[in-house]
Amino acid sequence: RFLAIDPADGRTTILEEQRDDRWVRL
């Protein structure tokens, strides 16, 4: 997951999620 972080309170929002049955390449 690629997360945006709110610097005021630390909450996160998912910008993107990638999935693969074997592994997600970094």
mmCIF file of all heavy atoms, coordinates in Angstrom:
data_MODEL
# 
_entry.id   MODEL 
# 
loop_
_atom_site.group_PDB 
_atom_site.id 
_atom_site.type_symbol 
_atom_site.label_atom_id 
_atom_site.label_alt_id 
_atom_site.label_comp_id 
_atom_site.label_asym_id 
_atom_site.label_entity_id 
_atom_site.label_seq_id 
_atom_site.pdbx_PDB_ins_code 
_atom_site.Cartn_x 
_atom_site.Cartn_y 
_atom_site.Cartn_z 
_atom_site.occupancy 
_atom_site.B_iso_or_equiv 
_atom_site.pdbx_formal_charge 
_atom_site.auth_seq_id 
_atom_site.auth_comp_id 
_atom_site.auth_asym_id 
_atom_site.auth_atom_id 
_atom_site.pdbx_PDB_model_num 
ATOM 1   N N   . ARG A 1 1  ? 0.825  -1.202  0.000   1.00 0.00 ? 1  ARG A N   1 
ATOM 2   C CA  . ARG A 1 1  ? 0.000  0.000   0.000   1.00 0.00 ? 1  ARG A CA  1 
ATOM 3   C C   . ARG A 1 1  ? 0.866  1.262   0.000   1.00 0.00 ? 1  ARG A C   1 
ATOM 4   O O   . ARG A 1 1  ? 1.881  1.320   0.692   1.00 0.00 ? 1  ARG A O   1 
ATOM 5   C CB  . ARG A 1 1  ? -0.928 0.022   1.223   1.00 0.00 ? 1  ARG A CB  1 
ATOM 6   C CG  . ARG A 1 1  ? -2.107 -0.923  1.126   1.00 0.00 ? 1  ARG A CG  1 
ATOM 7   C CD  . ARG A 1 1  ? -2.975 -0.858  2.372   1.00 0.00 ? 1  ARG A CD  1 
ATOM 8   N NE  . ARG A 1 1  ? -4.169 -1.699  2.222   1.00 0.00 ? 1  ARG A NE  1 
ATOM 9   C CZ  . ARG A 1 1  ? -5.054 -1.929  3.179   1.00 0.00 ? 1  ARG A CZ  1 
ATOM 10  N NH1 . ARG A 1 1  ? -4.870 -1.370  4.389   1.00 0.00 ? 1  ARG A NH1 1 
ATOM 11  N NH2 . ARG A 1 1  ? -6.102 -2.690  2.965   1.00 0.00 ? 1  ARG A NH2 1 
ATOM 12  N N   . PHE A 1 2  ? 0.417  2.242   -0.757  1.00 0.00 ? 2  PHE A N   1 
ATOM 13  C CA  . PHE A 1 2  ? 1.017  3.576   -0.773  1.00 0.00 ? 2  PHE A CA  1 
ATOM 14  C C   . PHE A 1 2  ? 0.074  4.469   0.030   1.00 0.00 ? 2  PHE A C   1 
ATOM 15  O O   . PHE A 1 2  ? -1.092 4.643   -0.329  1.00 0.00 ? 2  PHE A O   1 
ATOM 16  C CB  . PHE A 1 2  ? 1.153  4.057   -2.213  1.00 0.00 ? 2  PHE A CB  1 
ATOM 17  C CG  . PHE A 1 2  ? 1.859  5.374   -2.378  1.00 0.00 ? 2  PHE A CG  1 
ATOM 18  C CD1 . PHE A 1 2  ? 2.853  5.784   -1.501  1.00 0.00 ? 2  PHE A CD1 1 
ATOM 19  C CD2 . PHE A 1 2  ? 1.542  6.219   -3.437  1.00 0.00 ? 2  PHE A CD2 1 
ATOM 20  C CE1 . PHE A 1 2  ? 3.516  6.984   -1.664  1.00 0.00 ? 2  PHE A CE1 1 
ATOM 21  C CE2 . PHE A 1 2  ? 2.193  7.420   -3.620  1.00 0.00 ? 2  PHE A CE2 1 
ATOM 22  C CZ  . PHE A 1 2  ? 3.179  7.808   -2.731  1.00 0.00 ? 2  PHE A CZ  1 
ATOM 23  N N   . LEU A 1 3  ? 0.586  5.025   1.140   1.00 0.00 ? 3  LEU A N   1 
ATOM 24  C CA  . LEU A 1 3  ? -0.241 5.754   2.095   1.00 0.00 ? 3  LEU A CA  1 
ATOM 25  C C   . LEU A 1 3  ? 0.137  7.230   2.136   1.00 0.00 ? 3  LEU A C   1 
ATOM 26  O O   . LEU A 1 3  ? 1.322  7.576   2.247   1.00 0.00 ? 3  LEU A O   1 
ATOM 27  C CB  . LEU A 1 3  ? -0.073 5.168   3.504   1.00 0.00 ? 3  LEU A CB  1 
ATOM 28  C CG  . LEU A 1 3  ? -0.318 3.672   3.679   1.00 0.00 ? 3  LEU A CG  1 
ATOM 29  C CD1 . LEU A 1 3  ? 0.013  3.273   5.114   1.00 0.00 ? 3  LEU A CD1 1 
ATOM 30  C CD2 . LEU A 1 3  ? -1.754 3.312   3.326   1.00 0.00 ? 3  LEU A CD2 1 
ATOM 31  N N   . ALA A 1 4  ? -0.850 8.090   2.061   1.00 0.00 ? 4  ALA A N   1 
ATOM 32  C CA  . ALA A 1 4  ? -0.657 9.507   2.377   1.00 0.00 ? 4  ALA A CA  1 
ATOM 33  C C   . ALA A 1 4  ? -0.864 9.688   3.877   1.00 0.00 ? 4  ALA A C   1 
ATOM 34  O O   . ALA A 1 4  ? -1.776 9.110   4.466   1.00 0.00 ? 4  ALA A O   1 
ATOM 35  C CB  . ALA A 1 4  ? -1.640 10.366  1.595   1.00 0.00 ? 4  ALA A CB  1 
ATOM 36  N N   . ILE A 1 5  ? 0.003  10.480  4.500   1.00 0.00 ? 5  ILE A N   1 
ATOM 37  C CA  . ILE A 1 5  ? -0.041 10.696  5.944   1.00 0.00 ? 5  ILE A CA  1 
ATOM 38  C C   . ILE A 1 5  ? -0.474 12.131  6.227   1.00 0.00 ? 5  ILE A C   1 
ATOM 39  O O   . ILE A 1 5  ? 0.073  13.083  5.640   1.00 0.00 ? 5  ILE A O   1 
ATOM 40  C CB  . ILE A 1 5  ? 1.333  10.430  6.585   1.00 0.00 ? 5  ILE A CB  1 
ATOM 41  C CG1 . ILE A 1 5  ? 1.788  8.995   6.300   1.00 0.00 ? 5  ILE A CG1 1 
ATOM 42  C CG2 . ILE A 1 5  ? 1.296  10.699  8.078   1.00 0.00 ? 5  ILE A CG2 1 
ATOM 43  C CD1 . ILE A 1 5  ? 3.225  8.727   6.721   1.00 0.00 ? 5  ILE A CD1 1 
ATOM 44  N N   . ASP A 1 6  ? -1.447 12.287  7.101   1.00 0.00 ? 6  ASP A N   1 
ATOM 45  C CA  . ASP A 1 6  ? -1.852 13.618  7.552   1.00 0.00 ? 6  ASP A CA  1 
ATOM 46  C C   . ASP A 1 6  ? -0.857 14.063  8.623   1.00 0.00 ? 6  ASP A C   1 
ATOM 47  O O   . ASP A 1 6  ? -0.796 13.454  9.704   1.00 0.00 ? 6  ASP A O   1 
ATOM 48  C CB  . ASP A 1 6  ? -3.262 13.565  8.127   1.00 0.00 ? 6  ASP A CB  1 
ATOM 49  C CG  . ASP A 1 6  ? -3.807 14.951  8.470   1.00 0.00 ? 6  ASP A CG  1 
ATOM 50  O OD1 . ASP A 1 6  ? -2.999 15.854  8.789   1.00 0.00 ? 6  ASP A OD1 1 
ATOM 51  O OD2 . ASP A 1 6  ? -5.036 15.129  8.438   1.00 0.00 ? 6  ASP A OD2 1 
ATOM 52  N N   . PRO A 1 7  ? -0.067 15.112  8.369   1.00 0.00 ? 7  PRO A N   1 
ATOM 53  C CA  . PRO A 1 7  ? 0.960  15.495  9.348   1.00 0.00 ? 7  PRO A CA  1 
ATOM 54  C C   . PRO A 1 7  ? 0.379  16.049  10.640  1.00 0.00 ? 7  PRO A C   1 
ATOM 55  O O   . PRO A 1 7  ? 1.085  16.116  11.654  1.00 0.00 ? 7  PRO A O   1 
ATOM 56  C CB  . PRO A 1 7  ? 1.766  16.573  8.609   1.00 0.00 ? 7  PRO A CB  1 
ATOM 57  C CG  . PRO A 1 7  ? 0.835  17.113  7.578   1.00 0.00 ? 7  PRO A CG  1 
ATOM 58  C CD  . PRO A 1 7  ? -0.041 15.968  7.170   1.00 0.00 ? 7  PRO A CD  1 
ATOM 59  N N   . ALA A 1 8  ? -0.902 16.415  10.656  1.00 0.00 ? 8  ALA A N   1 
ATOM 60  C CA  . ALA A 1 8  ? -1.493 16.985  11.867  1.00 0.00 ? 8  ALA A CA  1 
ATOM 61  C C   . ALA A 1 8  ? -1.801 15.922  12.910  1.00 0.00 ? 8  ALA A C   1 
ATOM 62  O O   . ALA A 1 8  ? -1.563 16.123  14.104  1.00 0.00 ? 8  ALA A O   1 
ATOM 63  C CB  . ALA A 1 8  ? -2.769 17.757  11.509  1.00 0.00 ? 8  ALA A CB  1 
ATOM 64  N N   . ASP A 1 9  ? -2.315 14.763  12.466  1.00 0.00 ? 9  ASP A N   1 
ATOM 65  C CA  . ASP A 1 9  ? -2.730 13.752  13.438  1.00 0.00 ? 9  ASP A CA  1 
ATOM 66  C C   . ASP A 1 9  ? -2.206 12.357  13.134  1.00 0.00 ? 9  ASP A C   1 
ATOM 67  O O   . ASP A 1 9  ? -2.491 11.414  13.882  1.00 0.00 ? 9  ASP A O   1 
ATOM 68  C CB  . ASP A 1 9  ? -4.257 13.720  13.552  1.00 0.00 ? 9  ASP A CB  1 
ATOM 69  C CG  . ASP A 1 9  ? -4.952 13.447  12.224  1.00 0.00 ? 9  ASP A CG  1 
ATOM 70  O OD1 . ASP A 1 9  ? -4.278 12.974  11.278  1.00 0.00 ? 9  ASP A OD1 1 
ATOM 71  O OD2 . ASP A 1 9  ? -6.163 13.707  12.121  1.00 0.00 ? 9  ASP A OD2 1 
ATOM 72  N N   . GLY A 1 10 ? -1.455 12.182  12.046  1.00 0.00 ? 10 GLY A N   1 
ATOM 73  C CA  . GLY A 1 10 ? -0.858 10.890  11.739  1.00 0.00 ? 10 GLY A CA  1 
ATOM 74  C C   . GLY A 1 10 ? -1.778 9.905   11.049  1.00 0.00 ? 10 GLY A C   1 
ATOM 75  O O   . GLY A 1 10 ? -1.374 8.769   10.768  1.00 0.00 ? 10 GLY A O   1 
ATOM 76  N N   . ARG A 1 11 ? -3.010 10.299  10.767  1.00 0.00 ? 11 ARG A N   1 
ATOM 77  C CA  . ARG A 1 11 ? -3.909 9.386   10.073  1.00 0.00 ? 11 ARG A CA  1 
ATOM 78  C C   . ARG A 1 11 ? -3.451 9.176   8.628   1.00 0.00 ? 11 ARG A C   1 
ATOM 79  O O   . ARG A 1 11 ? -2.848 10.067  8.023   1.00 0.00 ? 11 ARG A O   1 
ATOM 80  C CB  . ARG A 1 11 ? -5.338 9.924   10.096  1.00 0.00 ? 11 ARG A CB  1 
ATOM 81  C CG  . ARG A 1 11 ? -5.993 9.871   11.474  1.00 0.00 ? 11 ARG A CG  1 
ATOM 82  C CD  . ARG A 1 11 ? -7.428 10.325  11.408  1.00 0.00 ? 11 ARG A CD  1 
ATOM 83  N NE  . ARG A 1 11 ? -7.552 11.719  10.963  1.00 0.00 ? 11 ARG A NE  1 
ATOM 84  C CZ  . ARG A 1 11 ? -8.713 12.335  10.754  1.00 0.00 ? 11 ARG A CZ  1 
ATOM 85  N NH1 . ARG A 1 11 ? -9.851 11.685  10.955  1.00 0.00 ? 11 ARG A NH1 1 
ATOM 86  N NH2 . ARG A 1 11 ? -8.738 13.591  10.370  1.00 0.00 ? 11 ARG A NH2 1 
ATOM 87  N N   . THR A 1 12 ? -3.771 7.999   8.078   1.00 0.00 ? 12 THR A N   1 
ATOM 88  C CA  . THR A 1 12 ? -3.313 7.667   6.727   1.00 0.00 ? 12 THR A CA  1 
ATOM 89  C C   . THR A 1 12 ? -4.492 7.399   5.809   1.00 0.00 ? 12 THR A C   1 
ATOM 90  O O   . THR A 1 12 ? -5.568 6.971   6.238   1.00 0.00 ? 12 THR A O   1 
ATOM 91  C CB  . THR A 1 12 ? -2.394 6.430   6.733   1.00 0.00 ? 12 THR A CB  1 
ATOM 92  O OG1 . THR A 1 12 ? -3.091 5.317   7.300   1.00 0.00 ? 12 THR A OG1 1 
ATOM 93  C CG2 . THR A 1 12 ? -1.128 6.700   7.521   1.00 0.00 ? 12 THR A CG2 1 
ATOM 94  N N   . THR A 1 13 ? -4.249 7.658   4.521   1.00 0.00 ? 13 THR A N   1 
ATOM 95  C CA  . THR A 1 13 ? -5.219 7.398   3.459   1.00 0.00 ? 13 THR A CA  1 
ATOM 96  C C   . THR A 1 13 ? -4.537 6.546   2.400   1.00 0.00 ? 13 THR A C   1 
ATOM 97  O O   . THR A 1 13 ? -3.403 6.819   2.004   1.00 0.00 ? 13 THR A O   1 
ATOM 98  C CB  . THR A 1 13 ? -5.700 8.714   2.819   1.00 0.00 ? 13 THR A CB  1 
ATOM 99  O OG1 . THR A 1 13 ? -6.256 9.550   3.835   1.00 0.00 ? 13 THR A OG1 1 
ATOM 100 C CG2 . THR A 1 13 ? -6.737 8.445   1.740   1.00 0.00 ? 13 THR A CG2 1 
ATOM 101 N N   . ILE A 1 14 ? -5.229 5.517   1.943   1.00 0.00 ? 14 ILE A N   1 
ATOM 102 C CA  . ILE A 1 14 ? -4.659 4.631   0.925   1.00 0.00 ? 14 ILE A CA  1 
ATOM 103 C C   . ILE A 1 14 ? -4.748 5.313   -0.435  1.00 0.00 ? 14 ILE A C   1 
ATOM 104 O O   . ILE A 1 14 ? -5.842 5.625   -0.926  1.00 0.00 ? 14 ILE A O   1 
ATOM 105 C CB  . ILE A 1 14 ? -5.395 3.276   0.886   1.00 0.00 ? 14 ILE A CB  1 
ATOM 106 C CG1 . ILE A 1 14 ? -5.306 2.582   2.243   1.00 0.00 ? 14 ILE A CG1 1 
ATOM 107 C CG2 . ILE A 1 14 ? -4.820 2.391   -0.215  1.00 0.00 ? 14 ILE A CG2 1 
ATOM 108 C CD1 . ILE A 1 14 ? -6.165 1.322   2.335   1.00 0.00 ? 14 ILE A CD1 1 
ATOM 109 N N   . LEU A 1 15 ? -3.594 5.560   -1.043  1.00 0.00 ? 15 LEU A N   1 
ATOM 110 C CA  . LEU A 1 15 ? -3.543 6.129   -2.385  1.00 0.00 ? 15 LEU A CA  1 
ATOM 111 C C   . LEU A 1 15 ? -3.540 5.043   -3.456  1.00 0.00 ? 15 LEU A C   1 
ATOM 112 O O   . LEU A 1 15 ? -4.062 5.240   -4.552  1.00 0.00 ? 15 LEU A O   1 
ATOM 113 C CB  . LEU A 1 15 ? -2.288 7.004   -2.547  1.00 0.00 ? 15 LEU A CB  1 
ATOM 114 C CG  . LEU A 1 15 ? -2.174 8.206   -1.620  1.00 0.00 ? 15 LEU A CG  1 
ATOM 115 C CD1 . LEU A 1 15 ? -0.855 8.928   -1.864  1.00 0.00 ? 15 LEU A CD1 1 
ATOM 116 C CD2 . LEU A 1 15 ? -3.353 9.158   -1.827  1.00 0.00 ? 15 LEU A CD2 1 
ATOM 117 N N   . GLU A 1 16 ? -2.933 3.912   -3.137  1.00 0.00 ? 16 GLU A N   1 
ATOM 118 C CA  . GLU A 1 16 ? -2.857 2.805   -4.103  1.00 0.00 ? 16 GLU A CA  1 
ATOM 119 C C   . GLU A 1 16 ? -2.607 1.519   -3.337  1.00 0.00 ? 16 GLU A C   1 
ATOM 120 O O   . GLU A 1 16 ? -1.915 1.524   -2.312  1.00 0.00 ? 16 GLU A O   1 
ATOM 121 C CB  . GLU A 1 16 ? -1.719 3.013   -5.109  1.00 0.00 ? 16 GLU A CB  1 
ATOM 122 C CG  . GLU A 1 16 ? -1.626 1.905   -6.151  1.00 0.00 ? 16 GLU A CG  1 
ATOM 123 C CD  . GLU A 1 16 ? -0.329 1.958   -6.949  1.00 0.00 ? 16 GLU A CD  1 
ATOM 124 O OE1 . GLU A 1 16 ? 0.743  2.065   -6.329  1.00 0.00 ? 16 GLU A OE1 1 
ATOM 125 O OE2 . GLU A 1 16 ? -0.391 1.889   -8.190  1.00 0.00 ? 16 GLU A OE2 1 
ATOM 126 N N   . GLU A 1 17 ? -3.156 0.425   -3.836  1.00 0.00 ? 17 GLU A N   1 
ATOM 127 C CA  . GLU A 1 17 ? -2.850 -0.894  -3.293  1.00 0.00 ? 17 GLU A CA  1 
ATOM 128 C C   . GLU A 1 17 ? -2.554 -1.832  -4.455  1.00 0.00 ? 17 GLU A C   1 
ATOM 129 O O   . GLU A 1 17 ? -3.304 -1.868  -5.437  1.00 0.00 ? 17 GLU A O   1 
ATOM 130 C CB  . GLU A 1 17 ? -3.998 -1.444  -2.454  1.00 0.00 ? 17 GLU A CB  1 
ATOM 131 C CG  . GLU A 1 17 ? -3.683 -2.816  -1.878  1.00 0.00 ? 17 GLU A CG  1 
ATOM 132 C CD  . GLU A 1 17 ? -4.666 -3.271  -0.814  1.00 0.00 ? 17 GLU A CD  1 
ATOM 133 O OE1 . GLU A 1 17 ? -5.220 -2.399  -0.108  1.00 0.00 ? 17 GLU A OE1 1 
ATOM 134 O OE2 . GLU A 1 17 ? -4.875 -4.493  -0.690  1.00 0.00 ? 17 GLU A OE2 1 
ATOM 135 N N   . GLN A 1 18 ? -1.453 -2.582  -4.349  1.00 0.00 ? 18 GLN A N   1 
ATOM 136 C CA  . GLN A 1 18 ? -1.081 -3.570  -5.350  1.00 0.00 ? 18 GLN A CA  1 
ATOM 137 C C   . GLN A 1 18 ? -1.089 -4.948  -4.710  1.00 0.00 ? 18 GLN A C   1 
ATOM 138 O O   . GLN A 1 18 ? -0.669 -5.114  -3.558  1.00 0.00 ? 18 GLN A O   1 
ATOM 139 C CB  . GLN A 1 18 ? 0.312  -3.280  -5.905  1.00 0.00 ? 18 GLN A CB  1 
ATOM 140 C CG  . GLN A 1 18 ? 0.395  -2.021  -6.748  1.00 0.00 ? 18 GLN A CG  1 
ATOM 141 C CD  . GLN A 1 18 ? 1.772  -1.847  -7.355  1.00 0.00 ? 18 GLN A CD  1 
ATOM 142 O OE1 . GLN A 1 18 ? 2.760  -1.747  -6.648  1.00 0.00 ? 18 GLN A OE1 1 
ATOM 143 N NE2 . GLN A 1 18 ? 1.841  -1.825  -8.669  1.00 0.00 ? 18 GLN A NE2 1 
ATOM 144 N N   . ARG A 1 19 ? -1.537 -5.937  -5.495  1.00 0.00 ? 19 ARG A N   1 
ATOM 145 C CA  . ARG A 1 19 ? -1.567 -7.317  -5.004  1.00 0.00 ? 19 ARG A CA  1 
ATOM 146 C C   . ARG A 1 19 ? -1.069 -8.265  -6.086  1.00 0.00 ? 19 ARG A C   1 
ATOM 147 O O   . ARG A 1 19 ? -1.228 -8.011  -7.279  1.00 0.00 ? 19 ARG A O   1 
ATOM 148 C CB  . ARG A 1 19 ? -2.984 -7.713  -4.566  1.00 0.00 ? 19 ARG A CB  1 
ATOM 149 C CG  . ARG A 1 19 ? -3.436 -7.009  -3.298  1.00 0.00 ? 19 ARG A CG  1 
ATOM 150 C CD  . ARG A 1 19 ? -4.746 -7.542  -2.770  1.00 0.00 ? 19 ARG A CD  1 
ATOM 151 N NE  . ARG A 1 19 ? -5.078 -6.922  -1.481  1.00 0.00 ? 19 ARG A NE  1 
ATOM 152 C CZ  . ARG A 1 19 ? -4.687 -7.394  -0.311  1.00 0.00 ? 19 ARG A CZ  1 
ATOM 153 N NH1 . ARG A 1 19 ? -3.961 -8.514  -0.251  1.00 0.00 ? 19 ARG A NH1 1 
ATOM 154 N NH2 . ARG A 1 19 ? -5.012 -6.778  0.820   1.00 0.00 ? 19 ARG A NH2 1 
ATOM 155 N N   . ASP A 1 20 ? -0.471 -9.362  -5.630  1.00 0.00 ? 20 ASP A N   1 
ATOM 156 C CA  . ASP A 1 20 ? -0.039 -10.422 -6.533  1.00 0.00 ? 20 ASP A CA  1 
ATOM 157 C C   . ASP A 1 20 ? -0.055 -11.736 -5.755  1.00 0.00 ? 20 ASP A C   1 
ATOM 158 O O   . ASP A 1 20 ? 0.286  -11.753 -4.558  1.00 0.00 ? 20 ASP A O   1 
ATOM 159 C CB  . ASP A 1 20 ? 1.374  -10.149 -7.080  1.00 0.00 ? 20 ASP A CB  1 
ATOM 160 C CG  . ASP A 1 20 ? 1.760  -11.120 -8.176  1.00 0.00 ? 20 ASP A CG  1 
ATOM 161 O OD1 . ASP A 1 20 ? 2.294  -12.213 -7.856  1.00 0.00 ? 20 ASP A OD1 1 
ATOM 162 O OD2 . ASP A 1 20 ? 1.520  -10.803 -9.348  1.00 0.00 ? 20 ASP A OD2 1 
ATOM 163 N N   . ASP A 1 21 ? -0.424 -12.820 -6.417  1.00 0.00 ? 21 ASP A N   1 
ATOM 164 C CA  . ASP A 1 21 ? -0.531 -14.110 -5.733  1.00 0.00 ? 21 ASP A CA  1 
ATOM 165 C C   . ASP A 1 21 ? 0.820  -14.638 -5.275  1.00 0.00 ? 21 ASP A C   1 
ATOM 166 O O   . ASP A 1 21 ? 0.887  -15.468 -4.361  1.00 0.00 ? 21 ASP A O   1 
ATOM 167 C CB  . ASP A 1 21 ? -1.199 -15.145 -6.639  1.00 0.00 ? 21 ASP A CB  1 
ATOM 168 C CG  . ASP A 1 21 ? -2.670 -14.832 -6.878  1.00 0.00 ? 21 ASP A CG  1 
ATOM 169 O OD1 . ASP A 1 21 ? -3.248 -14.095 -6.055  1.00 0.00 ? 21 ASP A OD1 1 
ATOM 170 O OD2 . ASP A 1 21 ? -3.225 -15.312 -7.881  1.00 0.00 ? 21 ASP A OD2 1 
ATOM 171 N N   . ARG A 1 22 ? 1.916  -14.202 -5.927  1.00 0.00 ? 22 ARG A N   1 
ATOM 172 C CA  . ARG A 1 22 ? 3.244  -14.675 -5.536  1.00 0.00 ? 22 ARG A CA  1 
ATOM 173 C C   . ARG A 1 22 ? 3.959  -13.611 -4.711  1.00 0.00 ? 22 ARG A C   1 
ATOM 174 O O   . ARG A 1 22 ? 4.190  -13.787 -3.537  1.00 0.00 ? 22 ARG A O   1 
ATOM 175 C CB  . ARG A 1 22 ? 4.031  -15.080 -6.788  1.00 0.00 ? 22 ARG A CB  1 
ATOM 176 C CG  . ARG A 1 22 ? 3.486  -16.371 -7.407  1.00 0.00 ? 22 ARG A CG  1 
ATOM 177 C CD  . ARG A 1 22 ? 3.973  -16.592 -8.815  1.00 0.00 ? 22 ARG A CD  1 
ATOM 178 N NE  . ARG A 1 22 ? 3.397  -15.607 -9.745  1.00 0.00 ? 22 ARG A NE  1 
ATOM 179 C CZ  . ARG A 1 22 ? 3.622  -15.616 -11.055 1.00 0.00 ? 22 ARG A CZ  1 
ATOM 180 N NH1 . ARG A 1 22 ? 4.410  -16.547 -11.586 1.00 0.00 ? 22 ARG A NH1 1 
ATOM 181 N NH2 . ARG A 1 22 ? 3.065  -14.713 -11.842 1.00 0.00 ? 22 ARG A NH2 1 
ATOM 182 N N   . TRP A 1 23 ? 4.308  -12.482 -5.304  1.00 0.00 ? 23 TRP A N   1 
ATOM 183 C CA  . TRP A 1 23 ? 4.795  -11.354 -4.531  1.00 0.00 ? 23 TRP A CA  1 
ATOM 184 C C   . TRP A 1 23 ? 4.692  -10.092 -5.372  1.00 0.00 ? 23 TRP A C   1 
ATOM 185 O O   . TRP A 1 23 ? 4.746  -10.145 -6.596  1.00 0.00 ? 23 TRP A O   1 
ATOM 186 C CB  . TRP A 1 23 ? 6.229  -11.552 -4.023  1.00 0.00 ? 23 TRP A CB  1 
ATOM 187 C CG  . TRP A 1 23 ? 7.309  -11.453 -5.080  1.00 0.00 ? 23 TRP A CG  1 
ATOM 188 C CD1 . TRP A 1 23 ? 7.866  -10.318 -5.604  1.00 0.00 ? 23 TRP A CD1 1 
ATOM 189 C CD2 . TRP A 1 23 ? 7.959  -12.544 -5.746  1.00 0.00 ? 23 TRP A CD2 1 
ATOM 190 N NE1 . TRP A 1 23 ? 8.816  -10.624 -6.536  1.00 0.00 ? 23 TRP A NE1 1 
ATOM 191 C CE2 . TRP A 1 23 ? 8.903  -11.988 -6.637  1.00 0.00 ? 23 TRP A CE2 1 
ATOM 192 C CE3 . TRP A 1 23 ? 7.851  -13.935 -5.666  1.00 0.00 ? 23 TRP A CE3 1 
ATOM 193 C CZ2 . TRP A 1 23 ? 9.724  -12.775 -7.456  1.00 0.00 ? 23 TRP A CZ2 1 
ATOM 194 C CZ3 . TRP A 1 23 ? 8.665  -14.713 -6.476  1.00 0.00 ? 23 TRP A CZ3 1 
ATOM 195 C CH2 . TRP A 1 23 ? 9.586  -14.142 -7.351  1.00 0.00 ? 23 TRP A CH2 1 
ATOM 196 N N   . VAL A 1 24 ? 4.523  -8.962  -4.706  1.00 0.00 ? 24 VAL A N   1 
ATOM 197 C CA  . VAL A 1 24 ? 4.529  -7.668  -5.379  1.00 0.00 ? 24 VAL A CA  1 
ATOM 198 C C   . VAL A 1 24 ? 5.962  -7.201  -5.484  1.00 0.00 ? 24 VAL A C   1 
ATOM 199 O O   . VAL A 1 24 ? 6.668  -7.085  -4.473  1.00 0.00 ? 24 VAL A O   1 
ATOM 200 C CB  . VAL A 1 24 ? 3.680  -6.630  -4.624  1.00 0.00 ? 24 VAL A CB  1 
ATOM 201 C CG1 . VAL A 1 24 ? 3.814  -5.256  -5.286  1.00 0.00 ? 24 VAL A CG1 1 
ATOM 202 C CG2 . VAL A 1 24 ? 2.224  -7.059  -4.583  1.00 0.00 ? 24 VAL A CG2 1 
ATOM 203 N N   . ARG A 1 25 ? 6.396  -6.952  -6.685  1.00 0.00 ? 25 ARG A N   1 
ATOM 204 C CA  . ARG A 1 25 ? 7.755  -6.466  -6.912  1.00 0.00 ? 25 ARG A CA  1 
ATOM 205 C C   . ARG A 1 25 ? 7.884  -5.039  -6.392  1.00 0.00 ? 25 ARG A C   1 
ATOM 206 O O   . ARG A 1 25 ? 7.042  -4.178  -6.663  1.00 0.00 ? 25 ARG A O   1 
ATOM 207 C CB  . ARG A 1 25 ? 8.074  -6.503  -8.406  1.00 0.00 ? 25 ARG A CB  1 
ATOM 208 C CG  . ARG A 1 25 ? 9.366  -5.837  -8.803  1.00 0.00 ? 25 ARG A CG  1 
ATOM 209 C CD  . ARG A 1 25 ? 10.569 -6.619  -8.351  1.00 0.00 ? 25 ARG A CD  1 
ATOM 210 N NE  . ARG A 1 25 ? 11.791 -6.059  -8.908  1.00 0.00 ? 25 ARG A NE  1 
ATOM 211 C CZ  . ARG A 1 25 ? 12.990 -6.597  -8.751  1.00 0.00 ? 25 ARG A CZ  1 
ATOM 212 N NH1 . ARG A 1 25 ? 13.108 -7.715  -8.070  1.00 0.00 ? 25 ARG A NH1 1 
ATOM 213 N NH2 . ARG A 1 25 ? 14.049 -6.046  -9.272  1.00 0.00 ? 25 ARG A NH2 1 
ATOM 214 N N   . LEU A 1 26 ? 8.955  -4.774  -5.635  1.00 0.00 ? 26 LEU A N   1 
ATOM 215 C CA  . LEU A 1 26 ? 9.271  -3.429  -5.175  1.00 0.00 ? 26 LEU A CA  1 
ATOM 216 C C   . LEU A 1 26 ? 10.239 -2.804  -6.169  1.00 0.00 ? 26 LEU A C   1 
ATOM 217 O O   . LEU A 1 26 ? 11.387 -3.235  -6.287  1.00 0.00 ? 26 LEU A O   1 
ATOM 218 C CB  . LEU A 1 26 ? 9.877  -3.476  -3.775  1.00 0.00 ? 26 LEU A CB  1 
ATOM 219 C CG  . LEU A 1 26 ? 8.964  -4.076  -2.700  1.00 0.00 ? 26 LEU A CG  1 
ATOM 220 C CD1 . LEU A 1 26 ? 9.724  -4.221  -1.379  1.00 0.00 ? 26 LEU A CD1 1 
ATOM 221 C CD2 . LEU A 1 26 ? 7.703  -3.241  -2.506  1.00 0.00 ? 26 LEU A CD2 1 
# 
